[in-house]
Amino acid sequence: MIARLATALALLAATPVAGQTTAPAPSPTPIAAPAAPQPGDVRVVIATAYGPVTVDLAKGKAPKTVANFLRYVDAKRFDNTTFYRAMTLGESAGLVQGGVKNRTDLIFPPVAHEPTSQTGLTHDDGAISLASAGPGTGRGDFFIVVGNVPTLDANPAAKTDKAGYAAFGHVVAGMDVIRRILTAPTFPTAGGPAMRGQILKAPVKIVTVRRAK
């Protein structure tokens, strides 16, 4: 997952910013109540130490990936995990990653890959997607996109990562929380070559993840 994601995001940057590990703090925006979920969507609330993030999961478009995510939700296996990674790309895009971090006491078997070419979803601002090391390896780690990062989508013409990642929903409220995580301090050298500068100094606690009532 780490190396593939770094490669995909690097393709978006014509001139990477040397030494940059955090993006400038965004201007505050009014917090609006989320609209009603679309037909076929399942709404969940990710309660974090920074505040709640409401996500609509596209069950009708990505049924296997959504079922995998809900398996962790219903078993309460996301409780007391963290957002542990913040990857920025210039000033306009990036992602934050969280979940069970492949803890053997929390993970379920991997789920079949549902590419964006099949689901019609895309890695645009607020997209939630399944972290993986390749098609069919995704388990209980996920990431939320800031900005538009189409290089994470399936692309048969690409030289590498043709399958992309499995987007499976969108944040409908709480992107201010995600952007705050993205700008949190990171270790400048930790994480190895593919993840260097992306490990949060203070991982942000995921208190609970629950289906919305």
C-alpha atoms as a PDB file:
ATOM      1  CA  MET A   1       0.000   0.000   0.000  1.00  0.00           C
ATOM      2  CA  ILE A   2       2.653   2.508   1.067  1.00  0.00           C
ATOM      3  CA  ALA A   3       4.926   2.295  -1.956  1.00  0.00           C
ATOM      4  CA  ARG A   4       2.036   2.053  -4.432  1.00  0.00           C
ATOM      5  CA  LEU A   5       0.336   5.082  -2.912  1.00  0.00           C
ATOM      6  CA  ALA A   6       3.492   7.141  -2.864  1.00  0.00           C
ATOM      7  CA  THR A   7       4.080   6.382  -6.544  1.00  0.00           C
ATOM      8  CA  ALA A   8       0.515   7.210  -7.531  1.00  0.00           C
ATOM      9  CA  LEU A   9       0.490  10.513  -5.688  1.00  0.00           C
ATOM     10  CA  ALA A  10       3.940  11.459  -6.944  1.00  0.00           C
ATOM     11  CA  LEU A  11       2.640  11.334 -10.503  1.00  0.00           C
ATOM     12  CA  LEU A  12       0.418  14.294  -9.655  1.00  0.00           C
ATOM     13  CA  ALA A  13       3.296  16.561  -8.649  1.00  0.00           C
ATOM     14  CA  ALA A  14       5.312  18.114 -11.466  1.00  0.00           C
ATOM     15  CA  THR A  15       7.571  19.878  -8.955  1.00  0.00           C
ATOM     16  CA  PRO A  16       7.383  18.442  -5.429  1.00  0.00           C
ATOM     17  CA  VAL A  17       7.987  20.897  -2.601  1.00  0.00           C
ATOM     18  CA  ALA A  18      11.248  19.922  -0.926  1.00  0.00           C
ATOM     19  CA  GLY A  19      10.923  19.084   2.742  1.00  0.00           C
ATOM     20  CA  GLN A  20       7.217  19.850   2.917  1.00  0.00           C
ATOM     21  CA  THR A  21       5.308  17.557   5.279  1.00  0.00           C
ATOM     22  CA  THR A  22       2.243  19.666   6.058  1.00  0.00           C
ATOM     23  CA  ALA A  23      -0.062  21.845   4.028  1.00  0.00           C
ATOM     24  CA  PRO A  24      -1.002  25.397   4.996  1.00  0.00           C
ATOM     25  CA  ALA A  25      -3.931  25.594   7.395  1.00  0.00           C
ATOM     26  CA  PRO A  26      -7.183  26.083   5.472  1.00  0.00           C
ATOM     27  CA  SER A  27      -9.456  29.038   6.071  1.00  0.00           C
ATOM     28  CA  PRO A  28     -12.331  28.192   8.413  1.00  0.00           C
ATOM     29  CA  THR A  29     -15.591  27.383   6.682  1.00  0.00           C
ATOM     30  CA  PRO A  30     -19.104  27.129   8.081  1.00  0.00           C
ATOM     31  CA  ILE A  31     -20.066  23.625   9.212  1.00  0.00           C
ATOM     32  CA  ALA A  32     -23.263  22.565   7.490  1.00  0.00           C
ATOM     33  CA  ALA A  33     -25.486  19.676   8.483  1.00  0.00           C
ATOM     34  CA  PRO A  34     -25.064  16.679   6.150  1.00  0.00           C
ATOM     35  CA  ALA A  35     -27.746  16.128   3.556  1.00  0.00           C
ATOM     36  CA  ALA A  36     -29.861  12.986   3.601  1.00  0.00           C
ATOM     37  CA  PRO A  37     -27.981   9.932   2.320  1.00  0.00           C
ATOM     38  CA  GLN A  38     -28.546   8.923  -1.272  1.00  0.00           C
ATOM     39  CA  PRO A  39     -30.539   5.754  -2.020  1.00  0.00           C
ATOM     40  CA  GLY A  40     -28.312   2.728  -1.521  1.00  0.00           C
ATOM     41  CA  ASP A  41     -25.901   4.549   0.788  1.00  0.00           C
ATOM     42  CA  VAL A  42     -25.144   3.597   4.384  1.00  0.00           C
ATOM     43  CA  ARG A  43     -24.165   6.441   6.704  1.00  0.00           C
ATOM     44  CA  VAL A  44     -21.540   6.059   9.424  1.00  0.00           C
ATOM     45  CA  VAL A  45     -20.006   8.499  11.884  1.00  0.00           C
ATOM     46  CA  ILE A  46     -16.297   8.318  12.649  1.00  0.00           C
ATOM     47  CA  ALA A  47     -15.900   9.919  16.081  1.00  0.00           C
ATOM     48  CA  THR A  48     -12.342  11.215  16.463  1.00  0.00           C
ATOM     49  CA  ALA A  49     -10.440  13.148  19.086  1.00  0.00           C
ATOM     50  CA  TYR A  50     -10.732  16.153  16.728  1.00  0.00           C
ATOM     51  CA  GLY A  51     -14.470  15.785  16.170  1.00  0.00           C
ATOM     52  CA  PRO A  52     -16.939  13.698  14.147  1.00  0.00           C
ATOM     53  CA  VAL A  53     -16.654  12.798  10.468  1.00  0.00           C
ATOM     54  CA  THR A  54     -19.839  11.660   8.729  1.00  0.00           C
ATOM     55  CA  VAL A  55     -19.411   9.360   5.747  1.00  0.00           C
ATOM     56  CA  ASP A  56     -21.904   7.991   3.226  1.00  0.00           C
ATOM     57  CA  LEU A  57     -20.827   4.539   2.057  1.00  0.00           C
ATOM     58  CA  ALA A  58     -21.837   3.730  -1.513  1.00  0.00           C
ATOM     59  CA  LYS A  59     -23.260   0.264  -0.876  1.00  0.00           C
ATOM     60  CA  GLY A  60     -25.049   0.201  -4.207  1.00  0.00           C
ATOM     61  CA  LYS A  61     -21.862   0.915  -6.171  1.00  0.00           C
ATOM     62  CA  ALA A  62     -19.178  -0.836  -4.101  1.00  0.00           C
ATOM     63  CA  PRO A  63     -21.078  -3.535  -2.175  1.00  0.00           C
ATOM     64  CA  LYS A  64     -18.108  -5.757  -1.312  1.00  0.00           C
ATOM     65  CA  THR A  65     -15.899  -2.939  -0.080  1.00  0.00           C
ATOM     66  CA  VAL A  66     -18.717  -1.380   1.938  1.00  0.00           C
ATOM     67  CA  ALA A  67     -19.601  -4.757   3.462  1.00  0.00           C
ATOM     68  CA  ASN A  68     -15.955  -5.175   4.462  1.00  0.00           C
ATOM     69  CA  PHE A  69     -15.884  -1.756   6.145  1.00  0.00           C
ATOM     70  CA  LEU A  70     -19.189  -2.383   7.938  1.00  0.00           C
ATOM     71  CA  ARG A  71     -17.872  -5.721   9.189  1.00  0.00           C
ATOM     72  CA  TYR A  72     -15.258  -3.774  11.166  1.00  0.00           C
ATOM     73  CA  VAL A  73     -17.816  -1.165  12.234  1.00  0.00           C
ATOM     74  CA  ASP A  74     -20.331  -3.700  13.536  1.00  0.00           C
ATOM     75  CA  ALA A  75     -17.636  -5.682  15.346  1.00  0.00           C
ATOM     76  CA  LYS A  76     -16.389  -2.404  16.887  1.00  0.00           C
ATOM     77  CA  ARG A  77     -12.886  -3.140  15.638  1.00  0.00           C
ATOM     78  CA  PHE A  78     -12.232   0.472  14.641  1.00  0.00           C
ATOM     79  CA  ASP A  79     -12.834   1.609  18.226  1.00  0.00           C
ATOM     80  CA  ASN A  80      -9.689   3.027  19.862  1.00  0.00           C
ATOM     81  CA  THR A  81      -7.654   2.827  16.662  1.00  0.00           C
ATOM     82  CA  THR A  82      -6.097   5.926  15.065  1.00  0.00           C
ATOM     83  CA  PHE A  83      -5.474   8.069  12.060  1.00  0.00           C
ATOM     84  CA  TYR A  84      -1.725   7.575  11.935  1.00  0.00           C
ATOM     85  CA  ARG A  85      -0.653   8.920   8.550  1.00  0.00           C
ATOM     86  CA  ALA A  86      -0.950  12.280   6.806  1.00  0.00           C
ATOM     87  CA  MET A  87       0.390  12.528   3.264  1.00  0.00           C
ATOM     88  CA  THR A  88       0.375  15.908   1.563  1.00  0.00           C
ATOM     89  CA  LEU A  89       0.922  16.704  -2.091  1.00  0.00           C
ATOM     90  CA  GLY A  90       1.776  20.352  -2.521  1.00  0.00           C
ATOM     91  CA  GLU A  91      -0.882  22.679  -1.146  1.00  0.00           C
ATOM     92  CA  SER A  92      -4.000  21.222  -2.722  1.00  0.00           C
ATOM     93  CA  ALA A  93      -4.155  17.477  -2.224  1.00  0.00           C
ATOM     94  CA  GLY A  94      -3.266  14.616   0.055  1.00  0.00           C
ATOM     95  CA  LEU A  95      -4.817  11.998   2.278  1.00  0.00           C
ATOM     96  CA  VAL A  96      -5.077  10.814   5.859  1.00  0.00           C
ATOM     97  CA  GLN A  97      -4.969   7.123   6.654  1.00  0.00           C
ATOM     98  CA  GLY A  98      -6.311   5.233   9.632  1.00  0.00           C
ATOM     99  CA  GLY A  99      -7.725   1.961  10.838  1.00  0.00           C
ATOM    100  CA  VAL A 100      -6.495  -1.202  12.489  1.00  0.00           C
ATOM    101  CA  LYS A 101      -2.968  -0.855  11.060  1.00  0.00           C
ATOM    102  CA  ASN A 102      -2.940  -4.571  10.210  1.00  0.00           C
ATOM    103  CA  ARG A 103      -3.140  -5.609  13.859  1.00  0.00           C
ATOM    104  CA  THR A 104      -3.500  -9.367  13.811  1.00  0.00           C
ATOM    105  CA  ASP A 105      -6.017  -9.311  16.662  1.00  0.00           C
ATOM    106  CA  LEU A 106      -8.345  -7.011  14.704  1.00  0.00           C
ATOM    107  CA  ILE A 107      -8.095  -7.875  11.025  1.00  0.00           C
ATOM    108  CA  PHE A 108     -10.578  -9.930   9.037  1.00  0.00           C
ATOM    109  CA  PRO A 109      -9.679 -11.765   5.800  1.00  0.00           C
ATOM    110  CA  PRO A 110      -9.081  -9.478   2.806  1.00  0.00           C
ATOM    111  CA  VAL A 111     -11.836  -8.435   0.435  1.00  0.00           C
ATOM    112  CA  ALA A 112     -12.021  -8.694  -3.354  1.00  0.00           C
ATOM    113  CA  HIS A 113     -10.993  -5.525  -5.197  1.00  0.00           C
ATOM    114  CA  GLU A 114     -13.711  -3.277  -6.662  1.00  0.00           C
ATOM    115  CA  PRO A 115     -11.924  -0.856  -9.037  1.00  0.00           C
ATOM    116  CA  THR A 116     -13.256   2.597  -9.740  1.00  0.00           C
ATOM    117  CA  SER A 117     -13.667   1.583 -13.389  1.00  0.00           C
ATOM    118  CA  GLN A 118     -16.316  -0.834 -12.152  1.00  0.00           C
ATOM    119  CA  THR A 119     -17.962   1.262  -9.433  1.00  0.00           C
ATOM    120  CA  GLY A 120     -17.965   4.634 -11.189  1.00  0.00           C
ATOM    121  CA  LEU A 121     -16.548   6.282  -8.069  1.00  0.00           C
ATOM    122  CA  THR A 122     -13.415   8.438  -8.064  1.00  0.00           C
ATOM    123  CA  HIS A 123     -10.791   9.703  -5.666  1.00  0.00           C
ATOM    124  CA  ASP A 124     -12.033  13.257  -5.422  1.00  0.00           C
ATOM    125  CA  ASP A 125     -12.265  15.542  -2.391  1.00  0.00           C
ATOM    126  CA  GLY A 126     -13.724  13.646   0.556  1.00  0.00           C
ATOM    127  CA  ALA A 127     -13.551  10.181  -1.011  1.00  0.00           C
ATOM    128  CA  ILE A 128     -12.980   7.284   1.384  1.00  0.00           C
ATOM    129  CA  SER A 129     -10.997   4.380  -0.036  1.00  0.00           C
ATOM    130  CA  LEU A 130      -9.601   1.040   1.064  1.00  0.00           C
ATOM    131  CA  ALA A 131      -5.886   0.868   1.774  1.00  0.00           C
ATOM    132  CA  SER A 132      -4.190  -2.131   0.191  1.00  0.00           C
ATOM    133  CA  ALA A 133      -0.903  -3.581  -1.012  1.00  0.00           C
ATOM    134  CA  GLY A 134      -2.534  -4.647  -4.270  1.00  0.00           C
ATOM    135  CA  PRO A 135      -5.873  -5.896  -5.595  1.00  0.00           C
ATOM    136  CA  GLY A 136      -7.551  -8.281  -3.172  1.00  0.00           C
ATOM    137  CA  THR A 137      -5.376  -7.410  -0.150  1.00  0.00           C
ATOM    138  CA  GLY A 138      -7.467  -4.671   1.480  1.00  0.00           C
ATOM    139  CA  ARG A 139      -8.533  -5.305   5.070  1.00  0.00           C
ATOM    140  CA  GLY A 140      -9.174  -2.838   7.888  1.00  0.00           C
ATOM    141  CA  ASP A 141      -7.203   0.266   6.919  1.00  0.00           C
ATOM    142  CA  PHE A 142      -8.670   3.121   4.920  1.00  0.00           C
ATOM    143  CA  PHE A 143      -7.818   6.609   3.755  1.00  0.00           C
ATOM    144  CA  ILE A 144      -9.751   9.817   3.106  1.00  0.00           C
ATOM    145  CA  VAL A 145      -8.714  12.057   0.227  1.00  0.00           C
ATOM    146  CA  VAL A 146      -8.276  15.832   0.359  1.00  0.00           C
ATOM    147  CA  GLY A 147      -8.494  17.462  -3.055  1.00  0.00           C
ATOM    148  CA  ASN A 148      -8.739  15.522  -6.313  1.00  0.00           C
ATOM    149  CA  VAL A 149      -6.265  12.666  -6.807  1.00  0.00           C
ATOM    150  CA  PRO A 150      -7.347  10.812  -9.970  1.00  0.00           C
ATOM    151  CA  THR A 151      -4.066   8.886 -10.109  1.00  0.00           C
ATOM    152  CA  LEU A 152      -5.530   6.660  -7.374  1.00  0.00           C
ATOM    153  CA  ASP A 153      -8.335   5.573  -9.728  1.00  0.00           C
ATOM    154  CA  ALA A 154      -8.151   2.488 -11.934  1.00  0.00           C
ATOM    155  CA  ASN A 155      -6.412   3.261 -15.209  1.00  0.00           C
ATOM    156  CA  PRO A 156      -5.832   0.449 -17.749  1.00  0.00           C
ATOM    157  CA  ALA A 157      -3.447   2.713 -19.674  1.00  0.00           C
ATOM    158  CA  ALA A 158      -1.158   3.318 -16.693  1.00  0.00           C
ATOM    159  CA  LYS A 159       2.274   1.690 -16.591  1.00  0.00           C
ATOM    160  CA  THR A 160       1.835   0.748 -12.918  1.00  0.00           C
ATOM    161  CA  ASP A 161      -1.075   0.527 -10.450  1.00  0.00           C
ATOM    162  CA  LYS A 162      -3.576  -0.080 -13.232  1.00  0.00           C
ATOM    163  CA  ALA A 163      -6.130  -1.413 -10.737  1.00  0.00           C
ATOM    164  CA  GLY A 164      -5.952   1.673  -8.515  1.00  0.00           C
ATOM    165  CA  TYR A 165      -7.660   1.716  -5.123  1.00  0.00           C
ATOM    166  CA  ALA A 166     -11.234   0.880  -4.149  1.00  0.00           C
ATOM    167  CA  ALA A 167     -13.106   4.085  -3.342  1.00  0.00           C
ATOM    168  CA  PHE A 168     -16.343   3.275  -1.540  1.00  0.00           C
ATOM    169  CA  GLY A 169     -17.977   6.480  -0.338  1.00  0.00           C
ATOM    170  CA  HIS A 170     -17.667  10.164   0.530  1.00  0.00           C
ATOM    171  CA  VAL A 171     -17.410  12.388   3.568  1.00  0.00           C
ATOM    172  CA  VAL A 172     -20.579  14.481   3.831  1.00  0.00           C
ATOM    173  CA  ALA A 173     -19.664  16.369   7.013  1.00  0.00           C
ATOM    174  CA  GLY A 174     -16.433  16.858   8.925  1.00  0.00           C
ATOM    175  CA  MET A 175     -13.882  17.573   6.207  1.00  0.00           C
ATOM    176  CA  ASP A 176     -12.585  20.300   8.528  1.00  0.00           C
ATOM    177  CA  VAL A 177     -11.526  17.457  10.850  1.00  0.00           C
ATOM    178  CA  ILE A 178      -9.777  15.627   8.008  1.00  0.00           C
ATOM    179  CA  ARG A 179      -7.947  18.771   6.898  1.00  0.00           C
ATOM    180  CA  ARG A 180      -6.854  19.400  10.477  1.00  0.00           C
ATOM    181  CA  ILE A 181      -5.398  15.890  10.650  1.00  0.00           C
ATOM    182  CA  LEU A 182      -3.648  16.472   7.325  1.00  0.00           C
ATOM    183  CA  THR A 183      -1.888  19.541   8.740  1.00  0.00           C
ATOM    184  CA  ALA A 184      -0.903  17.920  12.045  1.00  0.00           C
ATOM    185  CA  PRO A 185       2.848  17.625  12.775  1.00  0.00           C
ATOM    186  CA  THR A 186       4.659  14.614  11.335  1.00  0.00           C
ATOM    187  CA  PHE A 187       8.036  13.040  11.957  1.00  0.00           C
ATOM    188  CA  PRO A 188      10.377  14.334   9.232  1.00  0.00           C
ATOM    189  CA  THR A 189      12.380  11.106   8.845  1.00  0.00           C
ATOM    190  CA  ALA A 190      10.277   8.258  10.260  1.00  0.00           C
ATOM    191  CA  GLY A 191       8.491   5.755   8.058  1.00  0.00           C
ATOM    192  CA  GLY A 192      11.125   4.613   5.594  1.00  0.00           C
ATOM    193  CA  PRO A 193      11.615   5.944   2.046  1.00  0.00           C
ATOM    194  CA  ALA A 194       8.016   5.491   0.844  1.00  0.00           C
ATOM    195  CA  MET A 195       6.370   6.950   3.944  1.00  0.00           C
ATOM    196  CA  ARG A 196       8.987   9.420   5.137  1.00  0.00           C
ATOM    197  CA  GLY A 197       7.516  12.605   6.559  1.00  0.00           C
ATOM    198  CA  GLN A 198       3.997  11.121   6.744  1.00  0.00           C
ATOM    199  CA  ILE A 199       3.846   9.510  10.220  1.00  0.00           C
ATOM    200  CA  LEU A 200       1.906  11.654  12.658  1.00  0.00           C
ATOM    201  CA  LYS A 201       3.798  12.601  15.788  1.00  0.00           C
ATOM    202  CA  ALA A 202       0.543  12.314  17.717  1.00  0.00           C
ATOM    203  CA  PRO A 203      -1.823   9.849  16.014  1.00  0.00           C
ATOM    204  CA  VAL A 204      -5.407  11.061  16.158  1.00  0.00           C
ATOM    205  CA  LYS A 205      -7.618   8.682  18.104  1.00  0.00           C
ATOM    206  CA  ILE A 206     -10.633   7.109  16.427  1.00  0.00           C
ATOM    207  CA  VAL A 207     -12.934   6.802  19.405  1.00  0.00           C
ATOM    208  CA  THR A 208     -15.725   4.879  17.674  1.00  0.00           C
ATOM    209  CA  VAL A 209     -17.169   4.211  14.240  1.00  0.00           C
ATOM    210  CA  ARG A 210     -20.913   3.590  14.221  1.00  0.00           C
ATOM    211  CA  ARG A 211     -23.770   3.382  11.779  1.00  0.00           C
ATOM    212  CA  ALA A 212     -25.798   6.594  11.943  1.00  0.00           C
ATOM    213  CA  LYS A 213     -29.295   6.247  13.357  1.00  0.00           C
END
